[in-house]
N, C-alpha and C. Protein backbone atom coordinates (compact mmCIF):
# COMPACT_ATOMS: atom_id res chain seq x y z
N MET A 1 146.84 44.45 102.47
CA MET A 1 146.09 42.82 102.44
C MET A 1 146.23 41.97 101.36
N VAL A 2 146.62 40.76 101.72
CA VAL A 2 147.00 39.74 100.68
C VAL A 2 146.06 38.49 100.77
N GLY A 3 146.40 37.82 99.88
CA GLY A 3 145.76 36.54 100.11
C GLY A 3 144.38 36.33 100.43
N ALA A 4 143.71 35.42 101.33
CA ALA A 4 142.66 35.39 101.99
C ALA A 4 142.20 36.32 102.55
N GLY A 5 143.21 37.23 103.14
CA GLY A 5 142.50 38.20 104.17
C GLY A 5 141.81 39.16 103.15
N VAL A 6 141.89 39.57 101.89
CA VAL A 6 141.40 40.33 100.86
C VAL A 6 139.95 40.25 101.00
N PHE A 7 139.40 38.92 101.17
CA PHE A 7 137.91 38.23 101.07
C PHE A 7 137.20 38.56 102.33
N TYR A 8 137.88 39.39 103.39
CA TYR A 8 137.21 39.62 104.44
C TYR A 8 136.24 40.71 104.08
N ILE A 9 136.65 41.75 103.00
CA ILE A 9 135.92 42.67 102.62
C ILE A 9 134.42 41.94 102.39
N LEU A 10 134.10 40.71 101.91
CA LEU A 10 133.09 40.32 101.51
C LEU A 10 132.05 40.47 102.82
N TYR A 11 132.24 40.32 104.03
CA TYR A 11 131.87 40.63 105.39
C TYR A 11 131.47 41.98 105.70
N LEU A 12 132.22 42.85 105.04
CA LEU A 12 131.83 44.31 105.67
C LEU A 12 130.84 45.16 105.38
N ASP A 13 130.14 45.91 105.96
CA ASP A 13 129.17 46.73 105.73
C ASP A 13 130.07 47.85 104.53
N GLU A 14 128.97 47.99 103.66
CA GLU A 14 129.35 48.82 102.63
C GLU A 14 129.93 50.38 103.10
N LYS A 15 129.30 50.66 104.27
CA LYS A 15 129.69 51.90 104.74
C LYS A 15 131.67 51.84 105.51
N ILE A 16 131.88 50.88 105.59
CA ILE A 16 133.23 50.81 106.42
C ILE A 16 134.35 51.67 105.25
N PRO A 17 134.91 52.27 105.89
CA PRO A 17 136.37 52.66 105.11
C PRO A 17 137.55 51.75 105.17
N VAL A 18 138.17 51.47 104.20
CA VAL A 18 138.97 50.29 104.31
C VAL A 18 140.35 51.09 103.66
N LEU A 19 141.47 51.09 103.95
CA LEU A 19 142.72 51.88 103.56
C LEU A 19 143.54 50.69 103.45
N GLU A 20 144.00 50.56 102.10
CA GLU A 20 145.40 49.46 101.93
C GLU A 20 146.39 50.08 101.55
N ILE A 21 147.65 49.85 102.47
CA ILE A 21 148.84 50.27 102.23
C ILE A 21 149.63 49.81 101.50
N ASN A 22 150.19 49.95 100.44
CA ASN A 22 151.20 49.18 99.68
C ASN A 22 152.53 49.91 99.49
N PRO A 23 153.80 49.41 99.42
CA PRO A 23 154.87 50.04 99.43
C PRO A 23 155.22 50.18 97.74
N VAL A 24 155.49 51.14 97.56
CA VAL A 24 156.22 52.05 96.04
C VAL A 24 154.96 52.01 94.92
N LYS A 25 154.35 50.59 95.32
CA LYS A 25 153.42 50.99 93.82
C LYS A 25 151.86 49.98 94.08
N ASN A 26 150.72 50.31 93.16
CA ASN A 26 149.86 49.50 93.64
C ASN A 26 149.73 48.09 93.32
N ASN A 27 149.53 47.57 94.53
CA ASN A 27 149.13 45.99 94.24
C ASN A 27 148.36 45.56 94.80
N SER A 28 147.32 45.79 94.97
CA SER A 28 146.16 45.52 95.65
C SER A 28 145.05 44.39 94.93
N TRP A 29 145.33 43.50 95.63
CA TRP A 29 144.41 42.47 95.27
C TRP A 29 143.11 42.80 95.21
N ALA A 30 142.46 43.34 96.29
CA ALA A 30 141.34 43.90 96.57
C ALA A 30 140.77 44.75 95.00
N GLN A 31 141.45 45.34 94.61
CA GLN A 31 141.27 45.94 93.24
C GLN A 31 141.16 44.86 92.15
N MET A 32 142.10 44.10 92.38
CA MET A 32 142.37 43.18 91.15
C MET A 32 141.05 42.16 91.05
N PHE A 33 140.55 41.93 92.16
CA PHE A 33 139.11 41.03 92.25
C PHE A 33 138.19 41.74 92.30
N GLY A 34 137.99 42.79 91.97
CA GLY A 34 136.72 43.81 92.41
C GLY A 34 136.41 44.10 93.55
N LEU A 35 136.66 43.32 94.58
CA LEU A 35 136.03 43.55 95.80
C LEU A 35 136.38 45.19 96.52
N SER A 36 137.32 45.91 95.87
CA SER A 36 137.03 47.09 96.53
C SER A 36 135.87 47.89 96.41
N GLN A 37 134.85 47.46 95.51
CA GLN A 37 133.63 47.95 94.93
C GLN A 37 132.65 47.85 96.33
N LEU A 38 132.90 47.14 97.18
CA LEU A 38 131.93 46.75 98.20
C LEU A 38 131.92 47.67 99.47
N CYS A 39 133.01 48.42 99.32
CA CYS A 39 133.12 49.47 100.67
C CYS A 39 133.71 50.32 100.19
N LYS A 40 133.81 51.62 101.10
CA LYS A 40 134.73 52.77 101.13
C LYS A 40 136.03 52.39 100.74
N PHE A 41 136.87 51.84 99.53
CA PHE A 41 138.04 51.33 99.28
C PHE A 41 139.11 52.54 99.01
N LYS A 42 140.32 52.53 99.40
CA LYS A 42 141.31 53.64 99.27
C LYS A 42 142.34 52.65 99.40
N VAL A 43 143.33 53.02 98.65
CA VAL A 43 144.59 52.46 98.47
C VAL A 43 145.78 53.59 98.53
N PHE A 44 146.91 53.46 99.65
CA PHE A 44 147.67 54.42 99.80
C PHE A 44 148.97 54.09 99.35
N ILE A 45 149.93 54.59 98.64
CA ILE A 45 151.12 54.05 97.92
C ILE A 45 152.17 54.79 98.76
N SER A 46 153.19 54.28 99.36
CA SER A 46 154.04 54.99 100.23
C SER A 46 155.72 54.26 99.77
N ALA A 47 156.26 55.86 99.66
CA ALA A 47 157.62 55.46 99.53
C ALA A 47 158.50 55.43 100.43
N ASN A 48 158.08 55.42 101.66
CA ASN A 48 158.72 55.43 102.90
C ASN A 48 159.15 54.29 103.54
N ILE A 49 159.93 53.42 102.89
CA ILE A 49 160.01 51.95 103.06
C ILE A 49 161.36 51.71 103.54
N GLU A 50 161.52 50.56 103.81
CA GLU A 50 162.80 49.81 103.85
C GLU A 50 162.62 48.31 104.07
N ALA A 51 163.72 47.82 102.95
CA ALA A 51 163.62 46.32 102.68
C ALA A 51 163.89 45.71 103.78
N SER A 52 162.85 44.33 103.42
CA SER A 52 162.72 43.45 104.60
C SER A 52 164.07 42.39 104.45
N THR A 53 164.29 42.38 105.87
CA THR A 53 165.46 41.40 106.12
C THR A 53 165.16 39.85 105.93
N GLN A 54 164.10 39.67 105.13
CA GLN A 54 163.56 38.21 105.17
C GLN A 54 162.64 38.71 103.88
N PRO A 55 163.35 38.45 102.39
CA PRO A 55 162.36 38.95 101.55
C PRO A 55 161.65 37.43 101.06
N ALA A 56 160.69 37.51 100.45
CA ALA A 56 160.09 36.40 100.53
C ALA A 56 159.51 36.39 98.79
N GLN A 57 159.18 37.50 97.89
CA GLN A 57 158.42 37.61 96.92
C GLN A 57 159.53 37.97 95.73
N GLY A 58 160.72 38.13 96.05
CA GLY A 58 161.96 38.32 94.85
C GLY A 58 161.36 39.76 94.11
N ASP A 59 161.01 40.90 94.96
CA ASP A 59 160.38 41.97 94.45
C ASP A 59 160.64 43.00 95.37
N PRO A 60 161.63 43.78 95.33
CA PRO A 60 162.38 44.73 96.26
C PRO A 60 161.07 45.42 96.93
N ALA A 61 160.39 45.96 95.71
CA ALA A 61 159.06 46.53 96.09
C ALA A 61 158.20 46.11 97.05
N LEU A 62 157.89 44.81 96.93
CA LEU A 62 157.01 43.95 97.68
C LEU A 62 157.65 43.51 98.93
N ASP A 63 158.85 43.04 98.87
CA ASP A 63 159.59 42.62 99.80
C ASP A 63 160.21 43.51 100.85
N SER A 64 159.06 44.89 101.16
CA SER A 64 159.36 45.98 101.84
C SER A 64 158.52 46.18 103.08
N HIS A 65 159.03 46.86 103.70
CA HIS A 65 158.29 47.54 105.04
C HIS A 65 157.69 48.87 104.92
N VAL A 66 156.57 49.49 105.26
CA VAL A 66 156.03 50.85 105.08
C VAL A 66 156.15 50.95 106.47
N TYR A 67 156.83 52.78 106.56
CA TYR A 67 157.16 53.27 107.70
C TYR A 67 156.14 54.13 108.06
N PHE A 68 155.40 54.42 109.19
CA PHE A 68 154.24 55.56 109.59
C PHE A 68 155.00 56.81 109.34
N ASP A 69 154.54 57.68 108.63
CA ASP A 69 154.79 59.11 108.41
C ASP A 69 153.53 59.95 108.57
N ASP A 70 153.97 61.33 108.18
CA ASP A 70 152.85 62.21 108.08
C ASP A 70 151.94 62.13 107.18
N ALA A 71 152.50 61.44 105.90
CA ALA A 71 151.40 61.29 104.56
C ALA A 71 150.50 60.32 105.28
N LEU A 72 150.86 58.97 105.77
CA LEU A 72 150.07 57.96 106.13
C LEU A 72 149.18 58.50 107.66
N LYS A 73 149.75 59.24 108.27
CA LYS A 73 148.57 59.78 109.10
C LYS A 73 147.71 60.53 108.43
N LYS A 74 148.19 61.43 107.68
CA LYS A 74 147.14 62.04 106.78
C LYS A 74 145.99 61.03 106.57
N GLU A 75 146.28 60.14 105.61
CA GLU A 75 145.28 59.16 104.97
C GLU A 75 144.45 58.60 106.14
N LEU A 76 145.09 58.21 107.08
CA LEU A 76 144.50 57.36 108.28
C LEU A 76 143.52 58.35 108.81
N LEU A 77 143.78 59.39 109.00
CA LEU A 77 142.62 60.41 109.47
C LEU A 77 141.62 60.75 108.98
N ALA A 78 141.92 60.52 107.69
CA ALA A 78 141.04 61.19 106.42
C ALA A 78 139.77 60.03 106.34
N ILE A 79 139.71 58.91 106.92
CA ILE A 79 138.76 57.56 106.77
C ILE A 79 137.94 57.47 107.35
N LEU A 80 138.80 58.20 109.13
CA LEU A 80 137.91 57.79 110.49
C LEU A 80 136.85 58.91 110.36
N PRO A 81 135.63 58.43 110.91
CA PRO A 81 134.51 58.95 110.91
C PRO A 81 134.85 60.22 111.78
N ASP A 82 133.95 61.37 111.54
CA ASP A 82 133.69 62.31 112.10
C ASP A 82 133.23 62.14 113.41
N LYS A 83 133.57 63.38 114.28
CA LYS A 83 133.04 62.91 115.58
C LYS A 83 132.38 64.11 115.93
């Protein structure tokens, strides 16, 4: 989540789980602005990345795409409600 998308957290029920996925380092705007306190918020940092072909931020870590792997699968399954 970046930019205005972070502020959607304002409209979530506090019981809603949110998983923010970041490449290489924690760059969570929700945490920077304190919005992560409004819901069940967790950051997942992945090293399973590939550089973007259209870099926009000038930081290789931020100009990368995270790829789905078993570690990300585990994090996603952990936030799903029990059935």
